[in-house]
Amino acid sequence: MISAEIEKIFKKPGVARLELFIKTVAKNKIAYGISDEEGWALLGDDEDDTDILPLFQDAALAEAFKNATGFEDAQVEAVDWTELMSWLDELEEDGLMVAVCPNTEFEGPIEEPQHLKKALLKA
C-alpha cells in the first residue's frame, strides 16, 4: 500500500517531480536507486532500447516504486553526492538515461545524465 504522501508525489506532473528531485537531492546530498545481486535496476525504452536508471530523492519513494513495479526482491540503496556526480558521468559515457522519480505507472521525466548533473550542481 502506498501512503497518501507518496501517492501525492507520484501524481504530480513529471516536471514538478523533477524540480522536487533536484531541490531535495541538492539539499540532502543523497539520491536512491534500486539494486539486486545482478546490479542496479534498469528500465527500458521501447523506442530505441536505451537503458534508463530510475532515481529517487527519498528512500520511501524508491521503496514504493520497487514494491509496485515488480522489483520486490531488490533493495533500495542510497547514492551519496560524490558517487552520484561520478555516476552521472559514467551513465553519460555508457549512453544511459535517468528516470527521475518515476511513478508506479513508469511515468516520469527522462533526463540525460549531464543535464541532470548540471541542474543538481546549479541548485
PDB file of N, CA and C in Angstrom:
ATOM      1  N   MET A   1       0.842  -1.181   0.000  1.00  0.00           N
ATOM      2  CA  MET A   1       0.000   0.000   0.000  1.00  0.00           C
ATOM      3  C   MET A   1       0.891   1.249   0.000  1.00  0.00           C
ATOM      4  N   ILE A   2       0.540   2.185  -0.823  1.00  0.00           N
ATOM      5  CA  ILE A   2       1.314   3.419  -0.933  1.00  0.00           C
ATOM      6  C   ILE A   2       0.661   4.475  -0.036  1.00  0.00           C
ATOM      7  N   SER A   3       1.476   5.130   0.761  1.00  0.00           N
ATOM      8  CA  SER A   3       0.944   6.155   1.653  1.00  0.00           C
ATOM      9  C   SER A   3       0.385   7.329   0.837  1.00  0.00           C
ATOM     10  N   ALA A   4      -0.470   8.106   1.478  1.00  0.00           N
ATOM     11  CA  ALA A   4      -1.094   9.249   0.806  1.00  0.00           C
ATOM     12  C   ALA A   4      -0.052  10.268   0.357  1.00  0.00           C
ATOM     13  N   GLU A   5       0.979  10.482   1.169  1.00  0.00           N
ATOM     14  CA  GLU A   5       2.016  11.447   0.818  1.00  0.00           C
ATOM     15  C   GLU A   5       2.797  11.000  -0.423  1.00  0.00           C
ATOM     16  N   ILE A   6       3.143   9.727  -0.465  1.00  0.00           N
ATOM     17  CA  ILE A   6       3.862   9.198  -1.627  1.00  0.00           C
ATOM     18  C   ILE A   6       2.980   9.238  -2.865  1.00  0.00           C
ATOM     19  N   GLU A   7       1.730   8.838  -2.707  1.00  0.00           N
ATOM     20  CA  GLU A   7       0.795   8.874  -3.834  1.00  0.00           C
ATOM     21  C   GLU A   7       0.644  10.288  -4.374  1.00  0.00           C
ATOM     22  N   LYS A   8       0.621  11.268  -3.480  1.00  0.00           N
ATOM     23  CA  LYS A   8       0.505  12.670  -3.888  1.00  0.00           C
ATOM     24  C   LYS A   8       1.710  13.078  -4.742  1.00  0.00           C
ATOM     25  N   ILE A   9       2.897  12.657  -4.341  1.00  0.00           N
ATOM     26  CA  ILE A   9       4.109  12.973  -5.119  1.00  0.00           C
ATOM     27  C   ILE A   9       4.054  12.281  -6.476  1.00  0.00           C
ATOM     28  N   PHE A  10       3.688  10.990  -6.496  1.00  0.00           N
ATOM     29  CA  PHE A  10       3.627  10.241  -7.757  1.00  0.00           C
ATOM     30  C   PHE A  10       2.594  10.816  -8.726  1.00  0.00           C
ATOM     31  N   LYS A  11       1.583  11.506  -8.206  1.00  0.00           N
ATOM     32  CA  LYS A  11       0.540  12.083  -9.072  1.00  0.00           C
ATOM     33  C   LYS A  11       0.951  13.433  -9.644  1.00  0.00           C
ATOM     34  N   LYS A  12       1.999  14.026  -9.105  1.00  0.00           N
ATOM     35  CA  LYS A  12       2.456  15.317  -9.633  1.00  0.00           C
ATOM     36  C   LYS A  12       2.934  15.144 -11.069  1.00  0.00           C
ATOM     37  N   PRO A  13       2.818  16.197 -11.874  1.00  0.00           N
ATOM     38  CA  PRO A  13       3.360  16.132 -13.234  1.00  0.00           C
ATOM     39  C   PRO A  13       4.873  15.865 -13.177  1.00  0.00           C
ATOM     40  N   GLY A  14       5.394  15.278 -14.234  1.00  0.00           N
ATOM     41  CA  GLY A  14       6.809  14.946 -14.287  1.00  0.00           C
ATOM     42  C   GLY A  14       7.729  16.116 -14.004  1.00  0.00           C
ATOM     43  N   VAL A  15       7.412  17.283 -14.542  1.00  0.00           N
ATOM     44  CA  VAL A  15       8.273  18.443 -14.332  1.00  0.00           C
ATOM     45  C   VAL A  15       8.306  18.839 -12.858  1.00  0.00           C
ATOM     46  N   ALA A  16       7.195  18.688 -12.159  1.00  0.00           N
ATOM     47  CA  ALA A  16       7.154  19.006 -10.724  1.00  0.00           C
ATOM     48  C   ALA A  16       7.982  17.997  -9.936  1.00  0.00           C
ATOM     49  N   ARG A  17       7.923  16.712 -10.332  1.00  0.00           N
ATOM     50  CA  ARG A  17       8.748  15.704  -9.656  1.00  0.00           C
ATOM     51  C   ARG A  17      10.221  15.935  -9.932  1.00  0.00           C
ATOM     52  N   LEU A  18      10.555  16.376 -11.128  1.00  0.00           N
ATOM     53  CA  LEU A  18      11.949  16.696 -11.468  1.00  0.00           C
ATOM     54  C   LEU A  18      12.445  17.847 -10.598  1.00  0.00           C
ATOM     55  N   GLU A  19      11.656  18.896 -10.478  1.00  0.00           N
ATOM     56  CA  GLU A  19      12.050  20.042  -9.657  1.00  0.00           C
ATOM     57  C   GLU A  19      12.227  19.634  -8.194  1.00  0.00           C
ATOM     58  N   LEU A  20      11.322  18.810  -7.693  1.00  0.00           N
ATOM     59  CA  LEU A  20      11.411  18.337  -6.311  1.00  0.00           C
ATOM     60  C   LEU A  20      12.650  17.473  -6.116  1.00  0.00           C
ATOM     61  N   PHE A  21      12.948  16.615  -7.085  1.00  0.00           N
ATOM     62  CA  PHE A  21      14.142  15.774  -7.026  1.00  0.00           C
ATOM     63  C   PHE A  21      15.397  16.642  -6.949  1.00  0.00           C
ATOM     64  N   ILE A  22      15.503  17.594  -7.845  1.00  0.00           N
ATOM     65  CA  ILE A  22      16.694  18.455  -7.890  1.00  0.00           C
ATOM     66  C   ILE A  22      16.851  19.218  -6.576  1.00  0.00           C
ATOM     67  N   LYS A  23      15.781  19.821  -6.121  1.00  0.00           N
ATOM     68  CA  LYS A  23      15.821  20.596  -4.874  1.00  0.00           C
ATOM     69  C   LYS A  23      16.222  19.713  -3.688  1.00  0.00           C
ATOM     70  N   THR A  24      15.592  18.548  -3.565  1.00  0.00           N
ATOM     71  CA  THR A  24      15.821  17.671  -2.421  1.00  0.00           C
ATOM     72  C   THR A  24      17.213  17.041  -2.456  1.00  0.00           C
ATOM     73  N   VAL A  25      17.623  16.540  -3.601  1.00  0.00           N
ATOM     74  CA  VAL A  25      18.934  15.892  -3.703  1.00  0.00           C
ATOM     75  C   VAL A  25      20.049  16.915  -3.515  1.00  0.00           C
ATOM     76  N   ALA A  26      19.893  18.103  -4.078  1.00  0.00           N
ATOM     77  CA  ALA A  26      20.918  19.140  -3.898  1.00  0.00           C
ATOM     78  C   ALA A  26      21.039  19.536  -2.428  1.00  0.00           C
ATOM     79  N   LYS A  27      19.934  19.545  -1.710  1.00  0.00           N
ATOM     80  CA  LYS A  27      19.945  19.908  -0.293  1.00  0.00           C
ATOM     81  C   LYS A  27      20.500  18.781   0.576  1.00  0.00           C
ATOM     82  N   ASN A  28      20.011  17.562   0.366  1.00  0.00           N
ATOM     83  CA  ASN A  28      20.371  16.430   1.226  1.00  0.00           C
ATOM     84  C   ASN A  28      21.632  15.695   0.793  1.00  0.00           C
ATOM     85  N   LYS A  29      22.068  15.953  -0.451  1.00  0.00           N
ATOM     86  CA  LYS A  29      23.291  15.340  -0.998  1.00  0.00           C
ATOM     87  C   LYS A  29      23.208  13.814  -1.064  1.00  0.00           C
ATOM     88  N   ILE A  30      22.000  13.306  -1.373  1.00  0.00           N
ATOM     89  CA  ILE A  30      21.812  11.862  -1.493  1.00  0.00           C
ATOM     90  C   ILE A  30      20.626  11.573  -2.424  1.00  0.00           C
ATOM     91  N   ALA A  31      20.750  10.492  -3.179  1.00  0.00           N
ATOM     92  CA  ALA A  31      19.666  10.009  -4.031  1.00  0.00           C
ATOM     93  C   ALA A  31      19.519   8.514  -3.741  1.00  0.00           C
ATOM     94  N   TYR A  32      18.481   7.912  -4.299  1.00  0.00           N
ATOM     95  CA  TYR A  32      18.218   6.499  -4.040  1.00  0.00           C
ATOM     96  C   TYR A  32      17.912   5.771  -5.339  1.00  0.00           C
ATOM     97  N   GLY A  33      18.457   4.566  -5.444  1.00  0.00           N
ATOM     98  CA  GLY A  33      18.192   3.696  -6.578  1.00  0.00           C
ATOM     99  C   GLY A  33      17.768   2.336  -6.061  1.00  0.00           C
ATOM    100  N   ILE A  34      17.551   1.420  -6.986  1.00  0.00           N
ATOM    101  CA  ILE A  34      17.098   0.068  -6.660  1.00  0.00           C
ATOM    102  C   ILE A  34      18.092  -0.915  -7.249  1.00  0.00           C
ATOM    103  N   SER A  35      18.542  -1.877  -6.435  1.00  0.00           N
ATOM    104  CA  SER A  35      19.505  -2.852  -6.939  1.00  0.00           C
ATOM    105  C   SER A  35      19.213  -4.243  -6.381  1.00  0.00           C
ATOM    106  N   ASP A  36      19.800  -5.221  -7.047  1.00  0.00           N
ATOM    107  CA  ASP A  36      19.768  -6.599  -6.556  1.00  0.00           C
ATOM    108  C   ASP A  36      21.141  -7.206  -6.807  1.00  0.00           C
ATOM    109  N   GLU A  37      21.255  -8.523  -6.666  1.00  0.00           N
ATOM    110  CA  GLU A  37      22.564  -9.157  -6.820  1.00  0.00           C
ATOM    111  C   GLU A  37      23.139  -9.021  -8.229  1.00  0.00           C
ATOM    112  N   GLU A  38      22.309  -8.688  -9.198  1.00  0.00           N
ATOM    113  CA  GLU A  38      22.775  -8.537 -10.581  1.00  0.00           C
ATOM    114  C   GLU A  38      23.171  -7.100 -10.914  1.00  0.00           C
ATOM    115  N   GLY A  39      22.872  -6.161 -10.031  1.00  0.00           N
ATOM    116  CA  GLY A  39      23.222  -4.769 -10.274  1.00  0.00           C
ATOM    117  C   GLY A  39      22.028  -3.852 -10.086  1.00  0.00           C
ATOM    118  N   TRP A  40      22.158  -2.664 -10.623  1.00  0.00           N
ATOM    119  CA  TRP A  40      21.119  -1.649 -10.489  1.00  0.00           C
ATOM    120  C   TRP A  40      19.942  -1.955 -11.405  1.00  0.00           C
ATOM    121  N   ALA A  41      18.747  -1.702 -10.911  1.00  0.00           N
ATOM    122  CA  ALA A  41      17.530  -1.898 -11.695  1.00  0.00           C
ATOM    123  C   ALA A  41      17.506  -0.889 -12.840  1.00  0.00           C
ATOM    124  N   LEU A  42      17.191  -1.381 -14.013  1.00  0.00           N
ATOM    125  CA  LEU A  42      17.101  -0.524 -15.187  1.00  0.00           C
ATOM    126  C   LEU A  42      15.736  -0.699 -15.832  1.00  0.00           C
ATOM    127  N   LEU A  43      15.251   0.370 -16.385  1.00  0.00           N
ATOM    128  CA  LEU A  43      14.032   0.343 -17.176  1.00  0.00           C
ATOM    129  C   LEU A  43      14.463   0.450 -18.626  1.00  0.00           C
ATOM    130  N   GLY A  44      13.639  -0.010 -19.539  1.00  0.00           N
ATOM    131  CA  GLY A  44      13.988   0.076 -20.951  1.00  0.00           C
ATOM    132  C   GLY A  44      13.085   1.032 -21.692  1.00  0.00           C
ATOM    133  N   ASP A  45      13.619   1.621 -22.738  1.00  0.00           N
ATOM    134  CA  ASP A  45      12.844   2.475 -23.629  1.00  0.00           C
ATOM    135  C   ASP A  45      12.520   1.634 -24.852  1.00  0.00           C
ATOM    136  N   ASP A  46      11.239   1.354 -25.058  1.00  0.00           N
ATOM    137  CA  ASP A  46      10.822   0.503 -26.168  1.00  0.00           C
ATOM    138  C   ASP A  46      11.173   1.084 -27.528  1.00  0.00           C
ATOM    139  N   GLU A  47      11.293   2.391 -27.614  1.00  0.00           N
ATOM    140  CA  GLU A  47      11.538   3.023 -28.909  1.00  0.00           C
ATOM    141  C   GLU A  47      12.957   2.788 -29.421  1.00  0.00           C
ATOM    142  N   ASP A  48      13.947   2.917 -28.542  1.00  0.00           N
ATOM    143  CA  ASP A  48      15.326   2.794 -29.039  1.00  0.00           C
ATOM    144  C   ASP A  48      16.226   1.923 -28.161  1.00  0.00           C
ATOM    145  N   ASP A  49      15.630   1.115 -27.298  1.00  0.00           N
ATOM    146  CA  ASP A  49      16.365   0.181 -26.442  1.00  0.00           C
ATOM    147  C   ASP A  49      17.378   0.842 -25.522  1.00  0.00           C
ATOM    148  N   THR A  50      17.168   2.100 -25.178  1.00  0.00           N
ATOM    149  CA  THR A  50      18.037   2.788 -24.230  1.00  0.00           C
ATOM    150  C   THR A  50      17.730   2.301 -22.824  1.00  0.00           C
ATOM    151  N   ASP A  51      18.769   1.996 -22.057  1.00  0.00           N
ATOM    152  CA  ASP A  51      18.573   1.650 -20.655  1.00  0.00           C
ATOM    153  C   ASP A  51      18.379   2.924 -19.856  1.00  0.00           C
ATOM    154  N   ILE A  52      17.462   2.866 -18.902  1.00  0.00           N
ATOM    155  CA  ILE A  52      17.109   4.038 -18.109  1.00  0.00           C
ATOM    156  C   ILE A  52      17.183   3.656 -16.634  1.00  0.00           C
ATOM    157  N   LEU A  53      17.964   4.399 -15.889  1.00  0.00           N
ATOM    158  CA  LEU A  53      18.136   4.159 -14.465  1.00  0.00           C
ATOM    159  C   LEU A  53      17.149   5.004 -13.668  1.00  0.00           C
ATOM    160  N   PRO A  54      16.259   4.380 -12.884  1.00  0.00           N
ATOM    161  CA  PRO A  54      15.352   5.180 -12.055  1.00  0.00           C
ATOM    162  C   PRO A  54      16.068   5.658 -10.787  1.00  0.00           C
ATOM    163  N   LEU A  55      15.937   6.933 -10.486  1.00  0.00           N
ATOM    164  CA  LEU A  55      16.491   7.520  -9.268  1.00  0.00           C
ATOM    165  C   LEU A  55      15.405   8.299  -8.540  1.00  0.00           C
ATOM    166  N   PHE A  56      15.517   8.323  -7.233  1.00  0.00           N
ATOM    167  CA  PHE A  56      14.513   8.959  -6.383  1.00  0.00           C
ATOM    168  C   PHE A  56      15.205   9.844  -5.361  1.00  0.00           C
ATOM    169  N   GLN A  57      14.474  10.837  -4.870  1.00  0.00           N
ATOM    170  CA  GLN A  57      15.024  11.742  -3.868  1.00  0.00           C
ATOM    171  C   GLN A  57      14.750  11.270  -2.447  1.00  0.00           C
ATOM    172  N   ASP A  58      13.986  10.197  -2.313  1.00  0.00           N
ATOM    173  CA  ASP A  58      13.598   9.723  -0.995  1.00  0.00           C
ATOM    174  C   ASP A  58      13.538   8.195  -1.013  1.00  0.00           C
ATOM    175  N   ALA A  59      14.022   7.563   0.050  1.00  0.00           N
ATOM    176  CA  ALA A  59      14.019   6.101   0.121  1.00  0.00           C
ATOM    177  C   ALA A  59      12.599   5.535   0.089  1.00  0.00           C
ATOM    178  N   ALA A  60      11.655   6.233   0.716  1.00  0.00           N
ATOM    179  CA  ALA A  60      10.274   5.744   0.739  1.00  0.00           C
ATOM    180  C   ALA A  60       9.657   5.736  -0.660  1.00  0.00           C
ATOM    181  N   LEU A  61       9.998   6.714  -1.479  1.00  0.00           N
ATOM    182  CA  LEU A  61       9.515   6.736  -2.871  1.00  0.00           C
ATOM    183  C   LEU A  61      10.094   5.564  -3.648  1.00  0.00           C
ATOM    184  N   ALA A  62      11.385   5.328  -3.483  1.00  0.00           N
ATOM    185  CA  ALA A  62      12.038   4.210  -4.171  1.00  0.00           C
ATOM    186  C   ALA A  62      11.438   2.881  -3.718  1.00  0.00           C
ATOM    187  N   GLU A  63      11.179   2.759  -2.435  1.00  0.00           N
ATOM    188  CA  GLU A  63      10.582   1.536  -1.881  1.00  0.00           C
ATOM    189  C   GLU A  63       9.184   1.305  -2.454  1.00  0.00           C
ATOM    190  N   ALA A  64       8.370   2.350  -2.503  1.00  0.00           N
ATOM    191  CA  ALA A  64       7.011   2.232  -3.049  1.00  0.00           C
ATOM    192  C   ALA A  64       7.063   1.848  -4.522  1.00  0.00           C
ATOM    193  N   PHE A  65       7.971   2.457  -5.274  1.00  0.00           N
ATOM    194  CA  PHE A  65       8.111   2.140  -6.693  1.00  0.00           C
ATOM    195  C   PHE A  65       8.519   0.676  -6.868  1.00  0.00           C
ATOM    196  N   LYS A  66       9.525   0.238  -6.137  1.00  0.00           N
ATOM    197  CA  LYS A  66      10.028  -1.142  -6.305  1.00  0.00           C
ATOM    198  C   LYS A  66       8.961  -2.167  -5.955  1.00  0.00           C
ATOM    199  N   ASN A  67       8.197  -1.915  -4.911  1.00  0.00           N
ATOM    200  CA  ASN A  67       7.171  -2.871  -4.495  1.00  0.00           C
ATOM    201  C   ASN A  67       5.988  -2.921  -5.452  1.00  0.00           C
ATOM    202  N   ALA A  68       5.717  -1.829  -6.134  1.00  0.00           N
ATOM    203  CA  ALA A  68       4.552  -1.761  -7.026  1.00  0.00           C
ATOM    204  C   ALA A  68       4.878  -2.142  -8.466  1.00  0.00           C
ATOM    205  N   THR A  69       6.157  -2.301  -8.789  1.00  0.00           N
ATOM    206  CA  THR A  69       6.514  -2.475 -10.203  1.00  0.00           C
ATOM    207  C   THR A  69       7.314  -3.740 -10.511  1.00  0.00           C
ATOM    208  N   GLY A  70       7.305  -4.701  -9.619  1.00  0.00           N
ATOM    209  CA  GLY A  70       7.954  -5.974  -9.920  1.00  0.00           C
ATOM    210  C   GLY A  70       9.400  -6.091  -9.492  1.00  0.00           C
ATOM    211  N   PHE A  71       9.880  -5.155  -8.704  1.00  0.00           N
ATOM    212  CA  PHE A  71      11.259  -5.226  -8.207  1.00  0.00           C
ATOM    213  C   PHE A  71      11.284  -5.615  -6.728  1.00  0.00           C
ATOM    214  N   GLU A  72      10.280  -6.379  -6.269  1.00  0.00           N
ATOM    215  CA  GLU A  72      10.136  -6.695  -4.850  1.00  0.00           C
ATOM    216  C   GLU A  72      11.376  -7.343  -4.245  1.00  0.00           C
ATOM    217  N   ASP A  73      12.107  -8.120  -5.015  1.00  0.00           N
ATOM    218  CA  ASP A  73      13.272  -8.833  -4.488  1.00  0.00           C
ATOM    219  C   ASP A  73      14.527  -7.964  -4.436  1.00  0.00           C
ATOM    220  N   ALA A  74      14.432  -6.760  -4.914  1.00  0.00           N
ATOM    221  CA  ALA A  74      15.569  -5.830  -4.900  1.00  0.00           C
ATOM    222  C   ALA A  74      15.533  -5.020  -3.609  1.00  0.00           C
ATOM    223  N   GLN A  75      16.567  -4.220  -3.409  1.00  0.00           N
ATOM    224  CA  GLN A  75      16.590  -3.344  -2.245  1.00  0.00           C
ATOM    225  C   GLN A  75      16.864  -1.915  -2.690  1.00  0.00           C
ATOM    226  N   VAL A  76      16.445  -0.994  -1.857  1.00  0.00           N
ATOM    227  CA  VAL A  76      16.710   0.420  -2.089  1.00  0.00           C
ATOM    228  C   VAL A  76      18.100   0.723  -1.556  1.00  0.00           C
ATOM    229  N   GLU A  77      18.895   1.427  -2.356  1.00  0.00           N
ATOM    230  CA  GLU A  77      20.243   1.791  -1.932  1.00  0.00           C
ATOM    231  C   GLU A  77      20.469   3.287  -2.099  1.00  0.00           C
ATOM    232  N   ALA A  78      21.143   3.846  -1.124  1.00  0.00           N
ATOM    233  CA  ALA A  78      21.488   5.263  -1.154  1.00  0.00           C
ATOM    234  C   ALA A  78      22.712   5.479  -2.040  1.00  0.00           C
ATOM    235  N   VAL A  79      22.721   6.609  -2.717  1.00  0.00           N
ATOM    236  CA  VAL A  79      23.861   7.022  -3.537  1.00  0.00           C
ATOM    237  C   VAL A  79      24.245   8.416  -3.050  1.00  0.00           C
ATOM    238  N   ASP A  80      25.411   8.526  -2.418  1.00  0.00           N
ATOM    239  CA  ASP A  80      25.791   9.830  -1.875  1.00  0.00           C
ATOM    240  C   ASP A  80      26.190  10.785  -3.002  1.00  0.00           C
ATOM    241  N   TRP A  81      26.314  12.051  -2.661  1.00  0.00           N
ATOM    242  CA  TRP A  81      26.540  13.131  -3.629  1.00  0.00           C
ATOM    243  C   TRP A  81      27.761  12.875  -4.509  1.00  0.00           C
ATOM    244  N   THR A  82      28.885  12.548  -3.892  1.00  0.00           N
ATOM    245  CA  THR A  82      30.119  12.339  -4.655  1.00  0.00           C
ATOM    246  C   THR A  82      29.964  11.183  -5.638  1.00  0.00           C
ATOM    247  N   GLU A  83      29.398  10.094  -5.145  1.00  0.00           N
ATOM    248  CA  GLU A  83      29.178   8.933  -6.004  1.00  0.00           C
ATOM    249  C   GLU A  83      28.188   9.271  -7.121  1.00  0.00           C
ATOM    250  N   LEU A  84      27.136  10.018  -6.794  1.00  0.00           N
ATOM    251  CA  LEU A  84      26.129  10.392  -7.787  1.00  0.00           C
ATOM    252  C   LEU A  84      26.739  11.227  -8.905  1.00  0.00           C
ATOM    253  N   MET A  85      27.557  12.203  -8.560  1.00  0.00           N
ATOM    254  CA  MET A  85      28.179  13.060  -9.572  1.00  0.00           C
ATOM    255  C   MET A  85      29.073  12.235 -10.506  1.00  0.00           C
ATOM    256  N   SER A  86      29.843  11.329  -9.943  1.00  0.00           N
ATOM    257  CA  SER A  86      30.696  10.449 -10.743  1.00  0.00           C
ATOM    258  C   SER A  86      29.845   9.498 -11.587  1.00  0.00           C
ATOM    259  N   TRP A  87      28.813   8.993 -10.963  1.00  0.00           N
ATOM    260  CA  TRP A  87      27.918   8.051 -11.627  1.00  0.00           C
ATOM    261  C   TRP A  87      27.243   8.681 -12.826  1.00  0.00           C
ATOM    262  N   LEU A  88      26.800   9.924 -12.700  1.00  0.00           N
ATOM    263  CA  LEU A  88      26.149  10.598 -13.828  1.00  0.00           C
ATOM    264  C   LEU A  88      27.095  10.727 -15.011  1.00  0.00           C
ATOM    265  N   ASP A  89      28.387  10.966 -14.752  1.00  0.00           N
ATOM    266  CA  ASP A  89      29.379  10.990 -15.836  1.00  0.00           C
ATOM    267  C   ASP A  89      29.472   9.628 -16.514  1.00  0.00           C
ATOM    268  N   GLU A  90      29.517   8.569 -15.714  1.00  0.00           N
ATOM    269  CA  GLU A  90      29.608   7.210 -16.266  1.00  0.00           C
ATOM    270  C   GLU A  90      28.362   6.838 -17.063  1.00  0.00           C
ATOM    271  N   LEU A  91      27.200   7.219 -16.556  1.00  0.00           N
ATOM    272  CA  LEU A  91      25.955   6.935 -17.276  1.00  0.00           C
ATOM    273  C   LEU A  91      25.947   7.617 -18.630  1.00  0.00           C
ATOM    274  N   GLU A  92      26.432   8.854 -18.663  1.00  0.00           N
ATOM    275  CA  GLU A  92      26.512   9.604 -19.925  1.00  0.00           C
ATOM    276  C   GLU A  92      27.420   8.873 -20.904  1.00  0.00           C
ATOM    277  N   GLU A  93      28.595   8.456 -20.431  1.00  0.00           N
ATOM    278  CA  GLU A  93      29.553   7.744 -21.286  1.00  0.00           C
ATOM    279  C   GLU A  93      28.972   6.441 -21.828  1.00  0.00           C
ATOM    280  N   ASP A  94      28.153   5.770 -21.002  1.00  0.00           N
ATOM    281  CA  ASP A  94      27.570   4.481 -21.396  1.00  0.00           C
ATOM    282  C   ASP A  94      26.271   4.623 -22.185  1.00  0.00           C
ATOM    283  N   GLY A  95      25.813   5.853 -22.390  1.00  0.00           N
ATOM    284  CA  GLY A  95      24.607   6.070 -23.186  1.00  0.00           C
ATOM    285  C   GLY A  95      23.307   5.765 -22.461  1.00  0.00           C
ATOM    286  N   LEU A  96      23.328   5.780 -21.140  1.00  0.00           N
ATOM    287  CA  LEU A  96      22.117   5.556 -20.371  1.00  0.00           C
ATOM    288  C   LEU A  96      21.424   6.881 -20.073  1.00  0.00           C
ATOM    289  N   MET A  97      20.171   6.789 -19.711  1.00  0.00           N
ATOM    290  CA  MET A  97      19.380   7.946 -19.325  1.00  0.00           C
ATOM    291  C   MET A  97      18.926   7.742 -17.882  1.00  0.00           C
ATOM    292  N   VAL A  98      18.361   8.782 -17.282  1.00  0.00           N
ATOM    293  CA  VAL A  98      17.881   8.701 -15.913  1.00  0.00           C
ATOM    294  C   VAL A  98      16.382   9.001 -15.879  1.00  0.00           C
ATOM    295  N   ALA A  99      15.616   8.100 -15.252  1.00  0.00           N
ATOM    296  CA  ALA A  99      14.203   8.348 -14.984  1.00  0.00           C
ATOM    297  C   ALA A  99      14.142   8.987 -13.605  1.00  0.00           C
ATOM    298  N   VAL A 100      13.695  10.218 -13.551  1.00  0.00           N
ATOM    299  CA  VAL A 100      13.665  10.956 -12.294  1.00  0.00           C
ATOM    300  C   VAL A 100      12.328  10.739 -11.605  1.00  0.00           C
ATOM    301  N   CYS A 101      12.387  10.046 -10.474  1.00  0.00           N
ATOM    302  CA  CYS A 101      11.212   9.773  -9.640  1.00  0.00           C
ATOM    303  C   CYS A 101      10.020   9.277 -10.466  1.00  0.00           C
ATOM    304  N   PRO A 102      10.223   8.173 -11.219  1.00  0.00           N
ATOM    305  CA  PRO A 102       9.078   7.647 -11.981  1.00  0.00           C
ATOM    306  C   PRO A 102       7.998   7.144 -11.027  1.00  0.00           C
ATOM    307  N   ASN A 103       6.739   7.269 -11.455  1.00  0.00           N
ATOM    308  CA  ASN A 103       5.655   6.764 -10.613  1.00  0.00           C
ATOM    309  C   ASN A 103       5.440   5.276 -10.894  1.00  0.00           C
ATOM    310  N   THR A 104       4.442   4.703 -10.271  1.00  0.00           N
ATOM    311  CA  THR A 104       4.217   3.265 -10.404  1.00  0.00           C
ATOM    312  C   THR A 104       3.659   2.864 -11.764  1.00  0.00           C
ATOM    313  N   GLU A 105       3.379   3.843 -12.608  1.00  0.00           N
ATOM    314  CA  GLU A 105       2.977   3.578 -13.989  1.00  0.00           C
ATOM    315  C   GLU A 105       4.166   3.754 -14.925  1.00  0.00           C
ATOM    316  N   PHE A 106       5.355   3.870 -14.346  1.00  0.00           N
ATOM    317  CA  PHE A 106       6.606   4.080 -15.077  1.00  0.00           C
ATOM    318  C   PHE A 106       6.631   5.414 -15.821  1.00  0.00           C
ATOM    319  N   GLU A 107       5.868   6.385 -15.328  1.00  0.00           N
ATOM    320  CA  GLU A 107       5.829   7.703 -15.938  1.00  0.00           C
ATOM    321  C   GLU A 107       6.711   8.647 -15.136  1.00  0.00           C
ATOM    322  N   GLY A 108       7.497   9.404 -15.843  1.00  0.00           N
ATOM    323  CA  GLY A 108       8.360  10.373 -15.189  1.00  0.00           C
ATOM    324  C   GLY A 108       9.298  10.982 -16.198  1.00  0.00           C
ATOM    325  N   PRO A 109       9.917  12.079 -15.835  1.00  0.00           N
ATOM    326  CA  PRO A 109      10.841  12.716 -16.763  1.00  0.00           C
ATOM    327  C   PRO A 109      12.084  11.855 -16.989  1.00  0.00           C
ATOM    328  N   ILE A 110      12.487  11.761 -18.235  1.00  0.00           N
ATOM    329  CA  ILE A 110      13.703  11.046 -18.612  1.00  0.00           C
ATOM    330  C   ILE A 110      14.743  12.111 -18.939  1.00  0.00           C
ATOM    331  N   GLU A 111      15.846  12.080 -18.217  1.00  0.00           N
ATOM    332  CA  GLU A 111      16.859  13.118 -18.351  1.00  0.00           C
ATOM    333  C   GLU A 111      18.191  12.549 -18.816  1.00  0.00           C
ATOM    334  N   GLU A 112      18.904  13.341 -19.608  1.00  0.00           N
ATOM    335  CA  GLU A 112      20.282  12.996 -19.937  1.00  0.00           C
ATOM    336  C   GLU A 112      21.099  13.198 -18.668  1.00  0.00           C
ATOM    337  N   PRO A 113      22.010  12.286 -18.357  1.00  0.00           N
ATOM    338  CA  PRO A 113      22.773  12.394 -17.114  1.00  0.00           C
ATOM    339  C   PRO A 113      23.498  13.733 -16.934  1.00  0.00           C
ATOM    340  N   GLN A 114      24.098  14.267 -17.977  1.00  0.00           N
ATOM    341  CA  GLN A 114      24.829  15.525 -17.833  1.00  0.00           C
ATOM    342  C   GLN A 114      23.891  16.708 -17.602  1.00  0.00           C
ATOM    343  N   HIS A 115      22.710  16.653 -18.198  1.00  0.00           N
ATOM    344  CA  HIS A 115      21.716  17.706 -17.957  1.00  0.00           C
ATOM    345  C   HIS A 115      21.285  17.678 -16.495  1.00  0.00           C
ATOM    346  N   LEU A 116      21.042  16.487 -15.972  1.00  0.00           N
ATOM    347  CA  LEU A 116      20.656  16.341 -14.580  1.00  0.00           C
ATOM    348  C   LEU A 116      21.789  16.788 -13.647  1.00  0.00           C
ATOM    349  N   LYS A 117      23.013  16.423 -13.981  1.00  0.00           N
ATOM    350  CA  LYS A 117      24.158  16.819 -13.159  1.00  0.00           C
ATOM    351  C   LYS A 117      24.289  18.342 -13.099  1.00  0.00           C
ATOM    352  N   LYS A 118      24.154  18.992 -14.242  1.00  0.00           N
ATOM    353  CA  LYS A 118      24.252  20.453 -14.273  1.00  0.00           C
ATOM    354  C   LYS A 118      23.151  21.093 -13.428  1.00  0.00           C
ATOM    355  N   ALA A 119      21.932  20.551 -13.514  1.00  0.00           N
ATOM    356  CA  ALA A 119      20.830  21.089 -12.736  1.00  0.00           C
ATOM    357  C   ALA A 119      21.072  20.897 -11.231  1.00  0.00           C
ATOM    358  N   LEU A 120      21.607  19.757 -10.852  1.00  0.00           N
ATOM    359  CA  LEU A 120      21.904  19.499  -9.443  1.00  0.00           C
ATOM    360  C   LEU A 120      23.010  20.419  -8.937  1.00  0.00           C
ATOM    361  N   LEU A 121      24.052  20.615  -9.725  1.00  0.00           N
ATOM    362  CA  LEU A 121      25.151  21.482  -9.308  1.00  0.00           C
ATOM    363  C   LEU A 121      24.696  22.934  -9.221  1.00  0.00           C
ATOM    364  N   LYS A 122      23.812  23.339 -10.115  1.00  0.00           N
ATOM    365  CA  LYS A 122      23.301  24.711 -10.109  1.00  0.00           C
ATOM    366  C   LYS A 122      22.436  24.975  -8.872  1.00  0.00           C
ATOM    367  N   ALA A 123      21.686  23.938  -8.471  1.00  0.00           N
ATOM    368  CA  ALA A 123      20.790  24.073  -7.302  1.00  0.00           C
ATOM    369  C   ALA A 123      21.628  24.155  -6.046  1.00  0.00           C
TER     370      ALA A 123
END
